[in-house]
Amino acid sequence: MLDPTIETATSATDQDLRPRAKTLSWMASMSVAAGEMRAAEGYLLELLAWCAFADRDIVEDVTTDL
């Protein structure tokens, strides 16, 4: 039996990645508010890439648990 204090989330399915998307969106919004369009563009491109190429097994795991 493994010690629960030693276990960590090592794969994308073991952790919730939605806070990353929210953070990128928030950073883009703050950059626009500050007039930093290039920075906002970078955050939005990173968000787009994350949405396009993120591990899709997370969605499958959530639907099978219901």
PDB file of N, CA and C in Angstrom:
ATOM      1  N   MET A   1       0.847  -1.185   0.000  1.00  0.00           N
ATOM      2  CA  MET A   1       0.000   0.000   0.000  1.00  0.00           C
ATOM      3  C   MET A   1       0.888   1.243   0.000  1.00  0.00           C
ATOM      4  N   LEU A   2       0.555   2.190  -0.847  1.00  0.00           N
ATOM      5  CA  LEU A   2       1.341   3.410  -0.952  1.00  0.00           C
ATOM      6  C   LEU A   2       0.936   4.422   0.110  1.00  0.00           C
ATOM      7  N   ASP A   3       1.905   5.178   0.560  1.00  0.00           N
ATOM      8  CA  ASP A   3       1.651   6.237   1.525  1.00  0.00           C
ATOM      9  C   ASP A   3       0.961   7.399   0.805  1.00  0.00           C
ATOM     10  N   PRO A   4      -0.242   7.813   1.225  1.00  0.00           N
ATOM     11  CA  PRO A   4      -0.966   8.868   0.509  1.00  0.00           C
ATOM     12  C   PRO A   4      -0.253  10.215   0.517  1.00  0.00           C
ATOM     13  N   THR A   5       0.637  10.455   1.473  1.00  0.00           N
ATOM     14  CA  THR A   5       1.342  11.734   1.507  1.00  0.00           C
ATOM     15  C   THR A   5       2.428  11.810   0.448  1.00  0.00           C
ATOM     16  N   ILE A   6       2.842  10.664  -0.099  1.00  0.00           N
ATOM     17  CA  ILE A   6       3.901  10.637  -1.104  1.00  0.00           C
ATOM     18  C   ILE A   6       3.335  10.725  -2.520  1.00  0.00           C
ATOM     19  N   GLU A   7       2.105  10.274  -2.714  1.00  0.00           N
ATOM     20  CA  GLU A   7       1.508  10.271  -4.051  1.00  0.00           C
ATOM     21  C   GLU A   7       1.284  11.696  -4.549  1.00  0.00           C
ATOM     22  N   THR A   8       1.591  11.915  -5.820  1.00  0.00           N
ATOM     23  CA  THR A   8       1.329  13.209  -6.449  1.00  0.00           C
ATOM     24  C   THR A   8       0.669  12.973  -7.790  1.00  0.00           C
ATOM     25  N   ALA A   9      -0.013  13.979  -8.273  1.00  0.00           N
ATOM     26  CA  ALA A   9      -0.649  13.880  -9.588  1.00  0.00           C
ATOM     27  C   ALA A   9       0.423  14.046 -10.653  1.00  0.00           C
ATOM     28  N   THR A  10       0.622  13.006 -11.460  1.00  0.00           N
ATOM     29  CA  THR A  10       1.676  13.057 -12.465  1.00  0.00           C
ATOM     30  C   THR A  10       1.149  13.125 -13.882  1.00  0.00           C
ATOM     31  N   SER A  11      -0.094  12.804 -14.098  1.00  0.00           N
ATOM     32  CA  SER A  11      -0.629  12.864 -15.453  1.00  0.00           C
ATOM     33  C   SER A  11      -1.750  13.890 -15.521  1.00  0.00           C
ATOM     34  N   ALA A  12      -2.099  14.263 -16.736  1.00  0.00           N
ATOM     35  CA  ALA A  12      -3.148  15.262 -16.926  1.00  0.00           C
ATOM     36  C   ALA A  12      -4.490  14.778 -16.404  1.00  0.00           C
ATOM     37  N   THR A  13      -4.714  13.477 -16.416  1.00  0.00           N
ATOM     38  CA  THR A  13      -5.990  12.964 -15.929  1.00  0.00           C
ATOM     39  C   THR A  13      -6.087  13.014 -14.414  1.00  0.00           C
ATOM     40  N   ASP A  14      -4.977  13.164 -13.727  1.00  0.00           N
ATOM     41  CA  ASP A  14      -4.977  13.199 -12.264  1.00  0.00           C
ATOM     42  C   ASP A  14      -5.142  14.605 -11.707  1.00  0.00           C
ATOM     43  N   GLN A  15      -5.177  15.593 -12.557  1.00  0.00           N
ATOM     44  CA  GLN A  15      -5.276  16.961 -12.060  1.00  0.00           C
ATOM     45  C   GLN A  15      -6.281  17.749 -12.878  1.00  0.00           C
ATOM     46  N   ASP A  16      -6.824  18.784 -12.282  1.00  0.00           N
ATOM     47  CA  ASP A  16      -7.805  19.621 -12.960  1.00  0.00           C
ATOM     48  C   ASP A  16      -7.063  20.751 -13.658  1.00  0.00           C
ATOM     49  N   LEU A  17      -7.144  20.794 -14.973  1.00  0.00           N
ATOM     50  CA  LEU A  17      -6.398  21.787 -15.741  1.00  0.00           C
ATOM     51  C   LEU A  17      -7.201  23.046 -16.042  1.00  0.00           C
ATOM     52  N   ARG A  18      -8.447  23.099 -15.630  1.00  0.00           N
ATOM     53  CA  ARG A  18      -9.262  24.286 -15.909  1.00  0.00           C
ATOM     54  C   ARG A  18      -8.712  25.560 -15.285  1.00  0.00           C
ATOM     55  N   PRO A  19      -8.113  25.531 -14.105  1.00  0.00           N
ATOM     56  CA  PRO A  19      -7.544  26.770 -13.568  1.00  0.00           C
ATOM     57  C   PRO A  19      -6.498  27.389 -14.497  1.00  0.00           C
ATOM     58  N   ARG A  20      -5.774  26.581 -15.241  1.00  0.00           N
ATOM     59  CA  ARG A  20      -4.797  27.120 -16.193  1.00  0.00           C
ATOM     60  C   ARG A  20      -5.499  27.933 -17.278  1.00  0.00           C
ATOM     61  N   ALA A  21      -6.604  27.424 -17.796  1.00  0.00           N
ATOM     62  CA  ALA A  21      -7.352  28.147 -18.827  1.00  0.00           C
ATOM     63  C   ALA A  21      -7.905  29.455 -18.268  1.00  0.00           C
ATOM     64  N   LYS A  22      -8.429  29.405 -17.063  1.00  0.00           N
ATOM     65  CA  LYS A  22      -8.963  30.619 -16.440  1.00  0.00           C
ATOM     66  C   LYS A  22      -7.860  31.648 -16.217  1.00  0.00           C
ATOM     67  N   THR A  23      -6.696  31.186 -15.792  1.00  0.00           N
ATOM     68  CA  THR A  23      -5.574  32.090 -15.551  1.00  0.00           C
ATOM     69  C   THR A  23      -5.113  32.745 -16.840  1.00  0.00           C
ATOM     70  N   LEU A  24      -4.986  31.963 -17.905  1.00  0.00           N
ATOM     71  CA  LEU A  24      -4.569  32.532 -19.192  1.00  0.00           C
ATOM     72  C   LEU A  24      -5.583  33.559 -19.689  1.00  0.00           C
ATOM     73  N   SER A  25      -6.860  33.266 -19.536  1.00  0.00           N
ATOM     74  CA  SER A  25      -7.906  34.197 -19.951  1.00  0.00           C
ATOM     75  C   SER A  25      -7.841  35.485 -19.133  1.00  0.00           C
ATOM     76  N   TRP A  26      -7.659  35.344 -17.837  1.00  0.00           N
ATOM     77  CA  TRP A  26      -7.575  36.502 -16.950  1.00  0.00           C
ATOM     78  C   TRP A  26      -6.354  37.357 -17.275  1.00  0.00           C
ATOM     79  N   MET A  27      -5.220  36.702 -17.526  1.00  0.00           N
ATOM     80  CA  MET A  27      -3.998  37.441 -17.867  1.00  0.00           C
ATOM     81  C   MET A  27      -4.171  38.195 -19.184  1.00  0.00           C
ATOM     82  N   ALA A  28      -4.849  37.589 -20.150  1.00  0.00           N
ATOM     83  CA  ALA A  28      -5.115  38.274 -21.415  1.00  0.00           C
ATOM     84  C   ALA A  28      -5.997  39.500 -21.177  1.00  0.00           C
ATOM     85  N   SER A  29      -7.020  39.355 -20.355  1.00  0.00           N
ATOM     86  CA  SER A  29      -7.912  40.480 -20.049  1.00  0.00           C
ATOM     87  C   SER A  29      -7.171  41.616 -19.360  1.00  0.00           C
ATOM     88  N   MET A  30      -6.325  41.279 -18.405  1.00  0.00           N
ATOM     89  CA  MET A  30      -5.556  42.300 -17.701  1.00  0.00           C
ATOM     90  C   MET A  30      -4.565  42.999 -18.640  1.00  0.00           C
ATOM     91  N   SER A  31      -4.008  42.250 -19.562  1.00  0.00           N
ATOM     92  CA  SER A  31      -3.076  42.833 -20.527  1.00  0.00           C
ATOM     93  C   SER A  31      -3.791  43.818 -21.442  1.00  0.00           C
ATOM     94  N   VAL A  32      -4.997  43.474 -21.883  1.00  0.00           N
ATOM     95  CA  VAL A  32      -5.782  44.390 -22.722  1.00  0.00           C
ATOM     96  C   VAL A  32      -6.117  45.648 -21.932  1.00  0.00           C
ATOM     97  N   ALA A  33      -6.523  45.487 -20.680  1.00  0.00           N
ATOM     98  CA  ALA A  33      -6.861  46.637 -19.839  1.00  0.00           C
ATOM     99  C   ALA A  33      -5.663  47.557 -19.641  1.00  0.00           C
ATOM    100  N   ALA A  34      -4.467  46.976 -19.623  1.00  0.00           N
ATOM    101  CA  ALA A  34      -3.250  47.769 -19.443  1.00  0.00           C
ATOM    102  C   ALA A  34      -2.713  48.304 -20.769  1.00  0.00           C
ATOM    103  N   GLY A  35      -3.369  47.959 -21.867  1.00  0.00           N
ATOM    104  CA  GLY A  35      -2.922  48.431 -23.172  1.00  0.00           C
ATOM    105  C   GLY A  35      -1.794  47.615 -23.772  1.00  0.00           C
ATOM    106  N   GLU A  36      -1.524  46.470 -23.205  1.00  0.00           N
ATOM    107  CA  GLU A  36      -0.443  45.594 -23.685  1.00  0.00           C
ATOM    108  C   GLU A  36      -1.012  44.542 -24.631  1.00  0.00           C
ATOM    109  N   MET A  37      -1.275  44.959 -25.860  1.00  0.00           N
ATOM    110  CA  MET A  37      -1.917  44.059 -26.826  1.00  0.00           C
ATOM    111  C   MET A  37      -1.032  42.875 -27.213  1.00  0.00           C
ATOM    112  N   ARG A  38       0.274  43.094 -27.310  1.00  0.00           N
ATOM    113  CA  ARG A  38       1.171  41.988 -27.678  1.00  0.00           C
ATOM    114  C   ARG A  38       1.177  40.918 -26.589  1.00  0.00           C
ATOM    115  N   ALA A  39       1.178  41.335 -25.343  1.00  0.00           N
ATOM    116  CA  ALA A  39       1.145  40.369 -24.241  1.00  0.00           C
ATOM    117  C   ALA A  39      -0.188  39.619 -24.242  1.00  0.00           C
ATOM    118  N   ALA A  40      -1.284  40.352 -24.461  1.00  0.00           N
ATOM    119  CA  ALA A  40      -2.603  39.718 -24.508  1.00  0.00           C
ATOM    120  C   ALA A  40      -2.664  38.700 -25.638  1.00  0.00           C
ATOM    121  N   GLU A  41      -2.096  39.062 -26.771  1.00  0.00           N
ATOM    122  CA  GLU A  41      -2.063  38.140 -27.909  1.00  0.00           C
ATOM    123  C   GLU A  41      -1.322  36.851 -27.548  1.00  0.00           C
ATOM    124  N   GLY A  42      -0.222  36.987 -26.843  1.00  0.00           N
ATOM    125  CA  GLY A  42       0.548  35.815 -26.421  1.00  0.00           C
ATOM    126  C   GLY A  42      -0.247  34.909 -25.495  1.00  0.00           C
ATOM    127  N   TYR A  43      -0.943  35.510 -24.527  1.00  0.00           N
ATOM    128  CA  TYR A  43      -1.763  34.713 -23.609  1.00  0.00           C
ATOM    129  C   TYR A  43      -2.902  34.015 -24.348  1.00  0.00           C
ATOM    130  N   LEU A  44      -3.529  34.723 -25.286  1.00  0.00           N
ATOM    131  CA  LEU A  44      -4.634  34.121 -26.031  1.00  0.00           C
ATOM    132  C   LEU A  44      -4.158  33.006 -26.954  1.00  0.00           C
ATOM    133  N   LEU A  45      -2.988  33.181 -27.551  1.00  0.00           N
ATOM    134  CA  LEU A  45      -2.438  32.114 -28.387  1.00  0.00           C
ATOM    135  C   LEU A  45      -2.094  30.884 -27.554  1.00  0.00           C
ATOM    136  N   GLU A  46      -1.558  31.115 -26.361  1.00  0.00           N
ATOM    137  CA  GLU A  46      -1.256  29.992 -25.473  1.00  0.00           C
ATOM    138  C   GLU A  46      -2.543  29.284 -25.042  1.00  0.00           C
ATOM    139  N   LEU A  47      -3.584  30.063 -24.763  1.00  0.00           N
ATOM    140  CA  LEU A  47      -4.878  29.482 -24.400  1.00  0.00           C
ATOM    141  C   LEU A  47      -5.457  28.674 -25.557  1.00  0.00           C
ATOM    142  N   LEU A  48      -5.362  29.217 -26.761  1.00  0.00           N
ATOM    143  CA  LEU A  48      -5.854  28.504 -27.936  1.00  0.00           C
ATOM    144  C   LEU A  48      -5.103  27.188 -28.133  1.00  0.00           C
ATOM    145  N   ALA A  49      -3.792  27.240 -27.997  1.00  0.00           N
ATOM    146  CA  ALA A  49      -2.987  26.022 -28.143  1.00  0.00           C
ATOM    147  C   ALA A  49      -3.343  25.013 -27.063  1.00  0.00           C
ATOM    148  N   TRP A  50      -3.534  25.476 -25.851  1.00  0.00           N
ATOM    149  CA  TRP A  50      -3.889  24.577 -24.756  1.00  0.00           C
ATOM    150  C   TRP A  50      -5.243  23.923 -25.023  1.00  0.00           C
ATOM    151  N   CYS A  51      -6.207  24.703 -25.503  1.00  0.00           N
ATOM    152  CA  CYS A  51      -7.535  24.148 -25.802  1.00  0.00           C
ATOM    153  C   CYS A  51      -7.480  23.162 -26.960  1.00  0.00           C
ATOM    154  N   ALA A  52      -6.665  23.456 -27.950  1.00  0.00           N
ATOM    155  CA  ALA A  52      -6.600  22.608 -29.142  1.00  0.00           C
ATOM    156  C   ALA A  52      -5.851  21.307 -28.894  1.00  0.00           C
ATOM    157  N   PHE A  53      -4.821  21.352 -28.070  1.00  0.00           N
ATOM    158  CA  PHE A  53      -3.948  20.195 -27.930  1.00  0.00           C
ATOM    159  C   PHE A  53      -3.940  19.572 -26.541  1.00  0.00           C
ATOM    160  N   ALA A  54      -4.832  20.006 -25.661  1.00  0.00           N
ATOM    161  CA  ALA A  54      -4.876  19.456 -24.304  1.00  0.00           C
ATOM    162  C   ALA A  54      -5.310  17.997 -24.346  1.00  0.00           C
ATOM    163  N   ASP A  55      -4.976  17.279 -23.306  1.00  0.00           N
ATOM    164  CA  ASP A  55      -5.330  15.865 -23.201  1.00  0.00           C
ATOM    165  C   ASP A  55      -6.844  15.734 -23.083  1.00  0.00           C
ATOM    166  N   ARG A  56      -7.465  15.028 -23.994  1.00  0.00           N
ATOM    167  CA  ARG A  56      -8.922  14.887 -24.024  1.00  0.00           C
ATOM    168  C   ARG A  56      -9.431  13.781 -23.110  1.00  0.00           C
ATOM    169  N   ASP A  57      -8.559  13.003 -22.483  1.00  0.00           N
ATOM    170  CA  ASP A  57      -8.996  11.930 -21.593  1.00  0.00           C
ATOM    171  C   ASP A  57      -9.696  12.472 -20.356  1.00  0.00           C
ATOM    172  N   ILE A  58      -9.437  13.713 -19.997  1.00  0.00           N
ATOM    173  CA  ILE A  58     -10.050  14.307 -18.814  1.00  0.00           C
ATOM    174  C   ILE A  58     -11.563  14.346 -18.984  1.00  0.00           C
ATOM    175  N   VAL A  59     -12.035  14.764 -20.140  1.00  0.00           N
ATOM    176  CA  VAL A  59     -13.467  14.845 -20.403  1.00  0.00           C
ATOM    177  C   VAL A  59     -14.093  13.459 -20.332  1.00  0.00           C
ATOM    178  N   GLU A  60     -13.432  12.469 -20.885  1.00  0.00           N
ATOM    179  CA  GLU A  60     -13.949  11.104 -20.855  1.00  0.00           C
ATOM    180  C   GLU A  60     -14.038  10.585 -19.425  1.00  0.00           C
ATOM    181  N   ASP A  61     -13.048  10.878 -18.590  1.00  0.00           N
ATOM    182  CA  ASP A  61     -13.064  10.412 -17.208  1.00  0.00           C
ATOM    183  C   ASP A  61     -14.213  11.043 -16.428  1.00  0.00           C
ATOM    184  N   VAL A  62     -14.477  12.315 -16.666  1.00  0.00           N
ATOM    185  CA  VAL A  62     -15.545  13.008 -15.954  1.00  0.00           C
ATOM    186  C   VAL A  62     -16.897  12.419 -16.337  1.00  0.00           C
ATOM    187  N   THR A  63     -17.103  12.144 -17.606  1.00  0.00           N
ATOM    188  CA  THR A  63     -18.400  11.625 -18.037  1.00  0.00           C
ATOM    189  C   THR A  63     -18.626  10.191 -17.577  1.00  0.00           C
ATOM    190  N   THR A  64     -17.577   9.406 -17.430  1.00  0.00           N
ATOM    191  CA  THR A  64     -17.755   8.020 -16.993  1.00  0.00           C
ATOM    192  C   THR A  64     -17.999   7.926 -15.499  1.00  0.00           C
ATOM    193  N   ASP A  65     -17.594   8.948 -14.733  1.00  0.00           N
ATOM    194  CA  ASP A  65     -17.791   8.923 -13.287  1.00  0.00           C
ATOM    195  C   ASP A  65     -19.220   9.280 -12.895  1.00  0.00           C
ATOM    196  N   LEU A  66     -19.977   9.884 -13.789  1.00  0.00           N
ATOM    197  CA  LEU A  66     -21.335  10.327 -13.456  1.00  0.00           C
ATOM    198  C   LEU A  66     -22.292   9.222 -13.457  1.00  0.00           C
TER     199      LEU A  66
END
